[in-house]
């Protein structure tokens, strides 16, 4: 039943000329692939273009991060300090640029895209193609260096305290030796 409903919907869209219509708002990310290191910030530059025959009105651009390994979206608000960007309205044929500072918080392969929603729902949203983020953990990253710090830190502090205690004991012994 679901399949026939989907077929009918697609048929209606084709007959209405919607299925093959170009999107009114075109969204393009400047890169289609980013090799990233965990914790490093990358600037994701996006171009938004009005392909409609009328002004768009104000626009909202929203960053989306998908983790295909987890079969769902990642928390994009953890990847950027600006999840949603306001974009001034565009006249027909006009374009504008927006940028997101993206800092991956976990290693793996992620799909990043931008959705731009116009004030006028008749125009429909614009969605960029996926930008693949291949995120690796660097050898010098914080997670890789926690164990040596956890072991060496107390040893260094303990050794320093041991030296101080030995000096103080010698001072006290000399003080009592003269009495």
N, C-alpha and C. Protein backbone atom coordinates (compact mmCIF):
# COMPACT_ATOMS: atom_id res chain seq x y z
N UNK A 1 0.82 -1.19 0.00
CA UNK A 1 0.00 0.00 0.00
C UNK A 1 0.87 1.26 0.00
N UNK A 2 1.95 1.24 0.81
CA UNK A 2 2.83 2.41 0.85
C UNK A 2 3.48 2.65 -0.50
N UNK A 3 3.82 1.57 -1.20
CA UNK A 3 4.48 1.71 -2.48
C UNK A 3 3.55 2.34 -3.51
N UNK A 4 2.29 1.93 -3.52
CA UNK A 4 1.36 2.51 -4.48
C UNK A 4 1.07 3.97 -4.15
N UNK A 5 1.03 4.32 -2.88
CA UNK A 5 0.82 5.72 -2.50
C UNK A 5 2.00 6.57 -2.96
N UNK A 6 3.22 6.04 -2.81
CA UNK A 6 4.40 6.77 -3.25
C UNK A 6 4.40 6.94 -4.77
N UNK A 7 3.96 5.91 -5.49
CA UNK A 7 3.89 5.98 -6.94
C UNK A 7 2.88 7.03 -7.39
N UNK A 8 1.73 7.06 -6.73
CA UNK A 8 0.70 8.05 -7.05
C UNK A 8 1.22 9.46 -6.78
N UNK A 9 1.92 9.64 -5.64
CA UNK A 9 2.47 10.95 -5.30
C UNK A 9 3.47 11.39 -6.36
N UNK A 10 4.36 10.49 -6.77
CA UNK A 10 5.35 10.82 -7.79
C UNK A 10 4.67 11.17 -9.11
N UNK A 11 3.65 10.43 -9.48
CA UNK A 11 2.92 10.70 -10.71
C UNK A 11 2.28 12.08 -10.67
N UNK A 12 1.68 12.42 -9.55
CA UNK A 12 1.06 13.74 -9.41
C UNK A 12 2.12 14.83 -9.52
N UNK A 13 3.30 14.61 -8.93
CA UNK A 13 4.37 15.61 -9.01
C UNK A 13 4.85 15.79 -10.44
N UNK A 14 4.97 14.68 -11.18
CA UNK A 14 5.41 14.77 -12.58
C UNK A 14 4.38 15.51 -13.41
N UNK A 15 3.11 15.16 -13.20
CA UNK A 15 2.06 15.84 -13.95
C UNK A 15 1.99 17.32 -13.61
N UNK A 16 2.30 17.66 -12.38
CA UNK A 16 2.27 19.06 -11.97
C UNK A 16 3.54 19.79 -12.38
N UNK A 17 4.53 19.06 -12.86
CA UNK A 17 5.77 19.69 -13.29
C UNK A 17 6.72 19.98 -12.15
N UNK A 18 6.48 19.38 -10.98
CA UNK A 18 7.31 19.66 -9.82
C UNK A 18 8.51 18.74 -9.77
N UNK A 19 8.38 17.51 -10.18
CA UNK A 19 9.43 16.52 -10.01
C UNK A 19 10.70 16.88 -10.75
N UNK A 20 10.58 17.48 -11.95
CA UNK A 20 11.78 17.80 -12.70
C UNK A 20 12.13 19.28 -12.64
N UNK A 21 11.43 20.03 -11.83
CA UNK A 21 11.72 21.46 -11.70
C UNK A 21 12.99 21.65 -10.90
N UNK A 22 13.78 22.61 -11.32
CA UNK A 22 15.00 22.94 -10.58
C UNK A 22 14.61 23.65 -9.28
N UNK A 23 15.38 23.45 -8.22
CA UNK A 23 15.04 24.12 -6.97
C UNK A 23 15.15 25.64 -7.12
N UNK A 24 14.27 26.33 -6.44
CA UNK A 24 14.28 27.80 -6.50
C UNK A 24 15.49 28.37 -5.78
N UNK A 25 15.94 27.69 -4.75
CA UNK A 25 17.12 28.13 -4.00
C UNK A 25 18.20 27.07 -4.17
N UNK A 26 19.31 27.48 -4.75
CA UNK A 26 20.42 26.55 -4.96
C UNK A 26 21.46 26.79 -3.87
N UNK A 27 21.91 25.70 -3.25
CA UNK A 27 22.88 25.77 -2.16
C UNK A 27 24.09 24.95 -2.56
N UNK A 28 25.26 25.57 -2.50
CA UNK A 28 26.48 24.89 -2.91
C UNK A 28 27.58 25.10 -1.87
N UNK A 29 28.13 23.99 -1.37
CA UNK A 29 29.26 24.06 -0.44
C UNK A 29 30.53 24.06 -1.27
N UNK A 30 31.49 24.88 -0.89
CA UNK A 30 32.72 25.05 -1.65
C UNK A 30 33.60 23.82 -1.75
N UNK A 31 33.42 22.84 -0.87
CA UNK A 31 34.24 21.63 -0.89
C UNK A 31 33.32 20.42 -0.88
N UNK A 32 33.71 19.36 -1.59
CA UNK A 32 32.90 18.14 -1.52
C UNK A 32 33.55 17.09 -0.63
N UNK A 33 34.81 17.34 -0.21
CA UNK A 33 35.50 16.40 0.67
C UNK A 33 36.48 17.18 1.55
N UNK A 34 36.50 16.85 2.84
CA UNK A 34 37.41 17.49 3.78
C UNK A 34 38.12 16.39 4.58
N UNK A 35 39.45 16.39 4.54
CA UNK A 35 40.24 15.53 5.42
C UNK A 35 40.48 16.35 6.68
N UNK A 36 39.90 15.92 7.78
CA UNK A 36 39.95 16.70 9.02
C UNK A 36 40.64 15.93 10.12
N UNK A 37 41.19 16.68 11.05
CA UNK A 37 41.79 16.12 12.25
C UNK A 37 40.88 16.49 13.41
N UNK A 38 40.64 15.54 14.26
CA UNK A 38 39.76 15.73 15.41
C UNK A 38 40.14 17.00 16.18
N UNK A 39 39.17 17.88 16.37
CA UNK A 39 39.38 19.10 17.14
C UNK A 39 39.84 20.30 16.34
N UNK A 40 40.26 20.11 15.09
CA UNK A 40 40.69 21.24 14.26
C UNK A 40 39.48 21.89 13.60
N UNK A 41 39.49 23.21 13.50
CA UNK A 41 38.37 23.95 12.93
C UNK A 41 38.57 24.14 11.43
N UNK A 42 37.50 23.92 10.68
CA UNK A 42 37.48 24.14 9.24
C UNK A 42 36.37 25.12 8.91
N UNK A 43 36.62 26.01 7.96
CA UNK A 43 35.58 26.95 7.54
C UNK A 43 34.85 26.34 6.36
N UNK A 44 33.55 26.16 6.53
CA UNK A 44 32.70 25.62 5.48
C UNK A 44 32.03 26.80 4.78
N UNK A 45 32.47 27.09 3.55
CA UNK A 45 31.93 28.23 2.80
C UNK A 45 30.81 27.76 1.89
N UNK A 46 29.70 28.49 1.94
CA UNK A 46 28.50 28.10 1.23
C UNK A 46 28.02 29.27 0.36
N UNK A 47 27.59 28.95 -0.86
CA UNK A 47 26.98 29.95 -1.75
C UNK A 47 25.51 29.61 -1.91
N UNK A 48 24.66 30.61 -1.69
CA UNK A 48 23.21 30.47 -1.83
C UNK A 48 22.78 31.34 -3.00
N UNK A 49 22.05 30.74 -3.96
CA UNK A 49 21.65 31.47 -5.16
C UNK A 49 20.14 31.35 -5.36
N UNK A 50 19.51 32.47 -5.68
CA UNK A 50 18.07 32.48 -5.95
C UNK A 50 17.85 32.21 -7.44
N UNK A 51 17.31 31.03 -7.74
CA UNK A 51 17.02 30.66 -9.13
C UNK A 51 15.55 30.90 -9.47
N UNK A 52 14.79 31.46 -8.54
CA UNK A 52 13.36 31.72 -8.77
C UNK A 52 13.20 33.02 -9.56
N UNK A 53 11.96 33.27 -9.97
CA UNK A 53 11.67 34.50 -10.72
C UNK A 53 11.11 35.59 -9.81
N UNK A 54 11.26 35.41 -8.50
CA UNK A 54 10.80 36.42 -7.54
C UNK A 54 11.77 36.44 -6.35
N UNK A 55 11.77 37.53 -5.57
CA UNK A 55 12.66 37.61 -4.40
C UNK A 55 12.31 36.51 -3.37
N UNK A 56 13.31 36.11 -2.62
CA UNK A 56 13.11 35.04 -1.65
C UNK A 56 12.58 35.53 -0.31
N UNK A 57 12.85 36.76 0.05
CA UNK A 57 12.60 37.20 1.42
C UNK A 57 13.73 36.66 2.28
N UNK A 58 13.70 36.94 3.57
CA UNK A 58 14.78 36.47 4.45
C UNK A 58 14.93 34.94 4.41
N UNK A 59 16.16 34.48 4.57
CA UNK A 59 16.47 33.05 4.52
C UNK A 59 17.15 32.61 5.82
N UNK A 60 16.99 31.34 6.14
CA UNK A 60 17.69 30.73 7.26
C UNK A 60 18.52 29.56 6.72
N UNK A 61 19.81 29.57 6.99
CA UNK A 61 20.68 28.46 6.62
C UNK A 61 20.97 27.64 7.86
N UNK A 62 20.86 26.32 7.74
CA UNK A 62 21.02 25.44 8.88
C UNK A 62 22.01 24.33 8.54
N UNK A 63 23.00 24.11 9.41
CA UNK A 63 24.01 23.07 9.22
C UNK A 63 23.48 21.74 9.72
N UNK A 64 23.68 20.68 8.92
CA UNK A 64 23.25 19.33 9.29
C UNK A 64 24.46 18.41 9.21
N UNK A 65 24.68 17.58 10.24
CA UNK A 65 25.76 16.61 10.26
C UNK A 65 25.15 15.23 10.43
N UNK A 66 25.48 14.32 9.50
CA UNK A 66 24.94 12.96 9.53
C UNK A 66 26.09 11.98 9.75
N UNK A 67 25.88 11.05 10.66
CA UNK A 67 26.85 9.99 10.93
C UNK A 67 26.30 8.71 10.31
N UNK A 68 26.75 8.34 9.09
CA UNK A 68 26.19 7.16 8.43
C UNK A 68 26.45 5.87 9.21
N UNK A 69 27.51 5.83 10.01
CA UNK A 69 27.80 4.65 10.81
C UNK A 69 26.78 4.44 11.93
N UNK A 70 26.22 5.53 12.42
CA UNK A 70 25.23 5.44 13.49
C UNK A 70 23.81 5.46 12.92
N UNK A 71 23.72 5.55 11.59
CA UNK A 71 22.43 5.59 10.91
C UNK A 71 21.54 6.70 11.44
N UNK A 72 22.11 7.87 11.56
CA UNK A 72 21.32 9.01 12.03
C UNK A 72 22.16 10.27 12.02
N UNK A 73 21.56 11.32 12.50
CA UNK A 73 22.28 12.58 12.51
C UNK A 73 23.13 12.68 13.77
N UNK A 74 24.24 13.38 13.63
CA UNK A 74 25.09 13.68 14.78
C UNK A 74 24.59 15.00 15.36
N UNK A 75 25.07 15.36 16.51
CA UNK A 75 24.66 16.63 17.11
C UNK A 75 25.47 17.75 16.49
N UNK A 76 24.90 18.38 15.47
CA UNK A 76 25.62 19.44 14.75
C UNK A 76 25.94 20.62 15.67
N UNK A 77 25.11 20.84 16.70
CA UNK A 77 25.39 21.96 17.62
C UNK A 77 26.68 21.74 18.40
N UNK A 78 27.17 20.50 18.45
CA UNK A 78 28.46 20.23 19.08
C UNK A 78 29.62 20.50 18.12
N UNK A 79 29.33 20.57 16.85
CA UNK A 79 30.36 20.77 15.83
C UNK A 79 30.58 22.24 15.49
N UNK A 80 29.63 23.10 15.81
CA UNK A 80 29.73 24.50 15.44
C UNK A 80 29.09 25.37 16.51
N UNK A 81 29.59 26.59 16.63
CA UNK A 81 28.99 27.51 17.58
C UNK A 81 27.83 28.28 16.95
N UNK A 82 27.69 28.20 15.63
CA UNK A 82 26.61 28.87 14.92
C UNK A 82 25.89 27.84 14.07
N UNK A 83 24.84 27.25 14.61
CA UNK A 83 24.11 26.20 13.91
C UNK A 83 23.26 26.77 12.77
N UNK A 84 22.62 27.90 13.03
CA UNK A 84 21.73 28.53 12.04
C UNK A 84 22.22 29.94 11.74
N UNK A 85 22.21 30.29 10.45
CA UNK A 85 22.68 31.60 9.99
C UNK A 85 21.53 32.31 9.28
N UNK A 86 21.32 33.57 9.62
CA UNK A 86 20.32 34.39 8.91
C UNK A 86 20.98 34.97 7.66
N UNK A 87 20.24 34.88 6.56
CA UNK A 87 20.75 35.36 5.27
C UNK A 87 19.73 36.35 4.72
N UNK A 88 20.21 37.49 4.28
CA UNK A 88 19.31 38.50 3.71
C UNK A 88 18.61 37.93 2.48
N UNK A 89 17.42 38.44 2.20
CA UNK A 89 16.67 37.99 1.03
C UNK A 89 17.45 38.23 -0.25
N UNK A 90 17.16 37.41 -1.24
CA UNK A 90 17.86 37.49 -2.52
C UNK A 90 16.88 37.80 -3.64
N UNK A 91 17.28 38.71 -4.52
CA UNK A 91 16.50 38.98 -5.72
C UNK A 91 16.75 37.86 -6.73
N UNK A 92 15.91 37.73 -7.76
CA UNK A 92 16.13 36.69 -8.76
C UNK A 92 17.53 36.76 -9.37
N UNK A 93 18.20 35.62 -9.41
CA UNK A 93 19.55 35.55 -9.97
C UNK A 93 20.65 35.99 -9.01
N UNK A 94 20.29 36.56 -7.88
CA UNK A 94 21.29 37.05 -6.93
C UNK A 94 21.80 35.90 -6.05
N UNK A 95 23.05 36.05 -5.59
CA UNK A 95 23.60 35.04 -4.69
C UNK A 95 24.23 35.71 -3.48
N UNK A 96 24.44 34.92 -2.45
CA UNK A 96 25.03 35.40 -1.21
C UNK A 96 25.91 34.27 -0.66
N UNK A 97 26.84 34.64 0.20
CA UNK A 97 27.72 33.66 0.81
C UNK A 97 27.48 33.60 2.32
N UNK A 98 27.67 32.44 2.88
CA UNK A 98 27.60 32.23 4.32
C UNK A 98 28.72 31.26 4.68
N UNK A 99 29.10 31.25 5.94
CA UNK A 99 30.19 30.37 6.38
C UNK A 99 29.90 29.83 7.77
N UNK A 100 30.33 28.61 7.99
CA UNK A 100 30.23 27.96 9.30
C UNK A 100 31.62 27.51 9.69
N UNK A 101 32.01 27.76 10.94
CA UNK A 101 33.23 27.19 11.51
C UNK A 101 32.85 25.82 12.06
N UNK A 102 33.42 24.77 11.48
CA UNK A 102 33.07 23.40 11.83
C UNK A 102 34.27 22.74 12.51
N UNK A 103 34.04 22.22 13.73
CA UNK A 103 35.08 21.54 14.49
C UNK A 103 34.59 20.14 14.84
N UNK A 104 35.08 19.12 14.14
CA UNK A 104 34.63 17.74 14.44
C UNK A 104 34.98 17.35 15.87
N UNK A 105 34.04 16.64 16.51
CA UNK A 105 34.24 16.23 17.90
C UNK A 105 34.46 14.73 18.05
N UNK A 106 34.37 13.98 16.96
CA UNK A 106 34.66 12.55 17.02
C UNK A 106 35.21 12.10 15.67
N UNK A 107 36.00 11.04 15.73
CA UNK A 107 36.63 10.53 14.51
C UNK A 107 35.63 9.67 13.74
N UNK A 108 35.84 9.58 12.42
CA UNK A 108 34.98 8.78 11.57
C UNK A 108 34.65 9.51 10.29
N UNK A 109 33.70 8.95 9.54
CA UNK A 109 33.25 9.57 8.29
C UNK A 109 31.88 10.18 8.53
N UNK A 110 31.72 11.46 8.19
CA UNK A 110 30.48 12.18 8.41
C UNK A 110 30.07 12.90 7.13
N UNK A 111 28.78 13.07 6.96
CA UNK A 111 28.23 13.83 5.84
C UNK A 111 27.71 15.15 6.40
N UNK A 112 28.18 16.24 5.80
CA UNK A 112 27.78 17.58 6.25
C UNK A 112 27.05 18.24 5.09
N UNK A 113 25.91 18.86 5.41
CA UNK A 113 25.15 19.57 4.38
C UNK A 113 24.52 20.81 4.99
N UNK A 114 24.03 21.68 4.13
CA UNK A 114 23.36 22.90 4.56
C UNK A 114 21.98 22.94 3.93
N UNK A 115 20.99 23.23 4.76
CA UNK A 115 19.62 23.41 4.30
C UNK A 115 19.29 24.89 4.43
N UNK A 116 18.74 25.48 3.36
CA UNK A 116 18.35 26.89 3.40
C UNK A 116 16.84 26.97 3.19
N UNK A 117 16.18 27.56 4.16
CA UNK A 117 14.72 27.67 4.12
C UNK A 117 14.32 29.13 3.89
N UNK A 118 13.46 29.36 2.90
CA UNK A 118 12.99 30.71 2.64
C UNK A 118 11.76 31.04 3.50
N UNK A 119 11.49 32.32 3.60
CA UNK A 119 10.29 32.76 4.31
C UNK A 119 9.03 32.34 3.55
N UNK A 120 9.13 32.35 2.22
CA UNK A 120 8.00 31.96 1.37
C UNK A 120 8.01 30.44 1.16
N UNK A 121 7.08 29.71 1.78
CA UNK A 121 7.08 28.25 1.65
C UNK A 121 6.86 27.76 0.22
N UNK A 122 6.30 28.59 -0.64
CA UNK A 122 6.07 28.18 -2.02
C UNK A 122 7.38 27.96 -2.77
N UNK A 123 8.45 28.62 -2.33
CA UNK A 123 9.75 28.45 -2.98
C UNK A 123 10.39 27.12 -2.61
N UNK A 124 10.09 26.60 -1.45
CA UNK A 124 10.69 25.35 -0.99
C UNK A 124 12.11 25.56 -0.53
N UNK A 125 12.62 24.63 0.28
CA UNK A 125 13.98 24.77 0.78
C UNK A 125 15.01 24.38 -0.26
N UNK A 126 16.22 24.87 -0.07
CA UNK A 126 17.35 24.46 -0.87
C UNK A 126 18.26 23.60 -0.02
N UNK A 127 18.79 22.53 -0.59
CA UNK A 127 19.66 21.62 0.15
C UNK A 127 20.94 21.40 -0.65
N UNK A 128 22.06 21.54 0.02
CA UNK A 128 23.34 21.33 -0.65
C UNK A 128 23.58 19.83 -0.84
N UNK A 129 24.54 19.53 -1.68
CA UNK A 129 25.04 18.15 -1.78
C UNK A 129 25.85 17.87 -0.52
N UNK A 130 26.09 16.59 -0.24
CA UNK A 130 26.88 16.22 0.93
C UNK A 130 28.33 16.63 0.76
N UNK A 131 28.93 17.10 1.84
CA UNK A 131 30.38 17.25 1.92
C UNK A 131 30.85 16.17 2.89
N UNK A 132 31.76 15.33 2.43
CA UNK A 132 32.25 14.23 3.26
C UNK A 132 33.38 14.75 4.15
N UNK A 133 33.23 14.56 5.44
CA UNK A 133 34.28 14.87 6.41
C UNK A 133 34.89 13.55 6.86
N UNK A 134 36.15 13.30 6.48
CA UNK A 134 36.90 12.14 6.98
C UNK A 134 37.72 12.66 8.15
N UNK A 135 37.30 12.31 9.36
CA UNK A 135 37.92 12.85 10.56
C UNK A 135 38.81 11.77 11.18
N UNK A 136 40.09 12.10 11.36
CA UNK A 136 41.03 11.19 12.00
C UNK A 136 41.50 11.80 13.31
N UNK A 137 41.91 10.92 14.20
CA UNK A 137 42.45 11.35 15.48
C UNK A 137 43.96 11.48 15.33
N UNK A 138 44.52 12.64 15.63
CA UNK A 138 45.96 12.83 15.48
C UNK A 138 46.70 12.10 16.59
N UNK A 139 47.95 11.76 16.31
CA UNK A 139 48.76 11.06 17.31
C UNK A 139 48.97 11.90 18.54
N UNK A 140 49.00 13.21 18.39
CA UNK A 140 49.22 14.11 19.53
C UNK A 140 47.95 14.65 20.13
N UNK A 141 46.83 14.06 19.80
CA UNK A 141 45.57 14.58 20.33
C UNK A 141 45.45 14.32 21.81
N UNK A 142 44.57 15.03 22.45
CA UNK A 142 44.38 14.94 23.89
C UNK A 142 44.04 13.53 24.33
N UNK A 143 43.15 12.85 23.58
CA UNK A 143 42.76 11.51 23.97
C UNK A 143 43.94 10.55 23.94
N UNK A 144 44.86 10.73 23.01
CA UNK A 144 46.00 9.84 22.89
C UNK A 144 47.03 10.08 23.98
N UNK A 145 47.03 11.26 24.58
CA UNK A 145 48.05 11.58 25.57
C UNK A 145 47.55 11.57 27.00
N UNK A 146 46.35 11.14 27.25
CA UNK A 146 45.80 11.14 28.60
C UNK A 146 46.51 10.13 29.49
N UNK A 147 46.75 8.93 29.01
CA UNK A 147 47.36 7.89 29.84
C UNK A 147 48.76 8.27 30.31
N UNK A 148 49.66 8.73 29.44
CA UNK A 148 50.98 9.13 29.93
C UNK A 148 50.91 10.25 30.98
N UNK A 149 50.01 11.20 30.79
CA UNK A 149 49.87 12.29 31.76
C UNK A 149 49.32 11.75 33.07
N UNK A 150 48.36 10.83 32.98
CA UNK A 150 47.76 10.27 34.19
C UNK A 150 48.79 9.47 35.00
N UNK A 151 49.75 8.87 34.34
CA UNK A 151 50.77 8.10 35.05
C UNK A 151 51.93 9.00 35.49
N UNK A 152 52.44 9.81 34.58
CA UNK A 152 53.62 10.63 34.88
C UNK A 152 53.31 11.78 35.84
N UNK A 153 52.13 12.36 35.77
CA UNK A 153 51.78 13.50 36.62
C UNK A 153 51.94 13.18 38.10
N UNK A 154 51.27 12.16 38.61
CA UNK A 154 51.41 11.82 40.04
C UNK A 154 52.85 11.43 40.42
N UNK A 155 53.58 10.78 39.50
CA UNK A 155 54.96 10.41 39.80
C UNK A 155 55.83 11.65 39.99
N UNK A 156 55.68 12.62 39.12
CA UNK A 156 56.47 13.85 39.22
C UNK A 156 56.11 14.60 40.50
N UNK A 157 54.81 14.76 40.77
CA UNK A 157 54.38 15.46 41.98
C UNK A 157 54.85 14.71 43.22
N UNK A 158 54.70 13.38 43.23
CA UNK A 158 55.15 12.58 44.37
C UNK A 158 56.65 12.69 44.58
N UNK A 159 57.42 12.65 43.51
CA UNK A 159 58.88 12.80 43.61
C UNK A 159 59.27 14.15 44.17
N UNK A 160 58.61 15.20 43.70
CA UNK A 160 58.88 16.55 44.19
C UNK A 160 58.55 16.66 45.68
N UNK A 161 57.40 16.11 46.09
CA UNK A 161 57.03 16.14 47.50
C UNK A 161 58.00 15.33 48.34
N UNK A 162 58.48 14.20 47.81
CA UNK A 162 59.47 13.38 48.52
C UNK A 162 60.76 14.15 48.76
N UNK A 163 61.23 14.90 47.77
CA UNK A 163 62.45 15.70 47.91
C UNK A 163 62.24 16.78 48.97
N UNK A 164 61.08 17.46 48.92
CA UNK A 164 60.79 18.50 49.91
C UNK A 164 60.73 17.92 51.32
N UNK A 165 60.11 16.76 51.49
CA UNK A 165 60.00 16.14 52.81
C UNK A 165 61.38 15.73 53.33
N UNK A 166 62.24 15.22 52.45
CA UNK A 166 63.59 14.81 52.85
C UNK A 166 64.40 16.02 53.31
N UNK A 167 64.30 17.13 52.58
CA UNK A 167 65.00 18.36 52.97
C UNK A 167 64.52 18.85 54.33
N UNK A 168 63.19 18.84 54.49
CA UNK A 168 62.62 19.32 55.75
C UNK A 168 63.06 18.42 56.91
N UNK A 169 63.10 17.11 56.71
CA UNK A 169 63.53 16.19 57.76
C UNK A 169 64.98 16.45 58.13
N UNK A 170 65.85 16.69 57.16
CA UNK A 170 67.26 16.98 57.44
C UNK A 170 67.40 18.29 58.21
N UNK A 171 66.60 19.27 57.84
CA UNK A 171 66.65 20.56 58.54
C UNK A 171 66.24 20.38 60.00
N UNK A 172 65.18 19.60 60.22
CA UNK A 172 64.71 19.36 61.59
C UNK A 172 65.77 18.57 62.37
N UNK A 173 66.40 17.57 61.75
CA UNK A 173 67.44 16.78 62.41
C UNK A 173 68.62 17.66 62.80
N UNK A 174 69.04 18.58 61.93
CA UNK A 174 70.14 19.49 62.25
C UNK A 174 69.76 20.43 63.38
N UNK A 175 68.51 20.85 63.39
CA UNK A 175 68.03 21.75 64.42
C UNK A 175 68.08 21.06 65.79
N UNK A 176 67.65 19.80 65.87
CA UNK A 176 67.67 19.07 67.14
C UNK A 176 69.09 18.61 67.51
N UNK A 177 69.97 18.46 66.54
CA UNK A 177 71.35 18.03 66.83
C UNK A 177 72.11 19.13 67.55
N UNK A 178 71.74 20.37 67.32
CA UNK A 178 72.44 21.49 67.97
C UNK A 178 71.89 21.78 69.36
N UNK A 179 70.78 21.19 69.73
CA UNK A 179 70.17 21.45 71.04
C UNK A 179 70.74 20.57 72.09
